[in-house]
Protein backbone atom coordinates (compact mmCIF):
# COMPACT_ATOMS: atom_id res chain seq x y z
CA MET A 1 0.39 0.57 0.43
CA LEU A 2 1.12 3.33 -0.95
CA ARG A 3 0.85 5.06 2.57
CA ASP A 4 3.23 2.54 4.63
CA PHE A 5 5.27 2.56 2.06
CA VAL A 6 5.82 5.59 2.09
CA HIS A 7 5.75 5.77 5.85
CA ARG A 8 8.97 3.75 5.79
CA SER A 9 10.70 5.40 3.13
CA ILE A 10 10.22 9.27 5.66
CA ASP A 11 11.14 6.83 8.71
CA SER A 12 14.35 6.02 6.86
CA HIS A 13 14.97 9.27 5.10
CA CYS A 14 13.64 12.09 7.39
CA ASP A 15 14.05 14.07 10.55
CA THR A 16 10.27 12.76 12.67
CA SER A 17 10.84 15.95 14.98
CA LYS A 18 10.35 18.17 11.73
CA SER A 19 7.99 19.04 9.98
CA LYS A 20 7.95 18.82 5.97
CA SER A 21 9.34 22.62 5.43
CA SER A 22 11.96 22.09 8.05
CA GLN A 23 13.04 18.86 5.94
CA LYS A 24 16.31 19.19 3.94
CA LEU A 25 15.23 19.07 -0.10
CA ALA A 26 17.13 15.80 -0.28
CA ALA A 27 15.47 13.87 2.22
CA LEU A 28 12.30 14.87 0.50
CA ASN A 29 13.73 14.03 -2.92
CA SER A 30 14.21 10.76 -1.71
CA VAL A 31 11.33 9.71 -0.23
CA GLU A 32 9.14 10.64 -3.34
CA THR A 33 11.58 8.93 -6.06
CA GLU A 34 11.11 5.50 -3.70
CA ALA A 35 7.72 6.24 -4.10
CA VAL A 36 7.51 6.62 -7.53
CA VAL A 37 9.56 4.00 -8.92
CA GLN A 38 7.49 1.48 -6.46
CA PHE A 39 4.15 2.74 -7.98
CA PRO A 40 5.05 4.00 -11.22
CA GLU A 41 0.71 4.85 -11.79
CA LEU A 42 2.45 8.30 -9.79
CA ASN A 43 3.01 10.16 -12.38
CA ASP A 44 -0.24 10.00 -13.96
CA TYR A 45 -1.20 12.78 -11.28
CA MET A 46 -0.16 16.67 -11.48
CA GLY A 47 3.77 17.43 -9.22
CA ARG A 48 2.80 13.85 -7.72
CA TRP A 49 0.51 15.60 -5.38
CA PRO A 50 -0.58 11.87 -3.47
CA VAL A 51 2.92 11.39 -2.06
CA GLY A 52 3.70 14.96 -1.28
CA ASP A 53 0.19 14.85 0.59
CA LEU A 54 1.07 11.59 2.32
CA ILE A 55 4.31 13.30 3.38
CA GLN A 56 3.37 16.25 4.77
CA MET A 57 0.60 14.40 6.63
CA GLN A 58 3.13 12.00 8.08
CA LEU A 59 5.56 14.51 8.83
CA LYS A 60 2.91 16.77 10.55
CA ASN A 61 1.47 14.13 13.14
CA LEU A 62 5.30 13.16 13.54
CA SER A 63 6.25 15.99 15.12
CA ALA A 64 3.41 17.30 17.15
CA LYS A 65 3.77 13.84 18.53
CA GLU A 66 7.04 14.77 19.11
CA ARG A 67 6.62 18.20 20.34
CA GLN A 68 4.41 16.85 22.81
CA ARG A 69 6.87 14.27 24.37
CA HIS A 70 9.16 16.64 24.74
CA ALA A 71 6.73 18.90 26.62
CA LYS A 72 5.59 15.70 28.21
CA LYS A 73 9.54 14.97 29.54
CA ASN A 74 10.45 18.82 30.79
CA SER A 75 7.21 19.80 32.48
CA PRO A 76 6.70 20.41 35.95
CA LYS A 77 5.97 17.87 37.87
């Protein structure tokens, strides 16, 4: 499934404590390239937008969880 593949690729190439806008372009390009190789039908979509959307949502969720963990860890008891 595309979503699972993209999530694994994100884990391999990206800093999951940061949002998409804070990622290195090379990391994002690696995720997109791997997805297109595995799922060539993505080329049928302008700008391969499904991959970009999946990357954005996954990194948003993961970075938010990381911020919550960090805040909880540093909160007074």
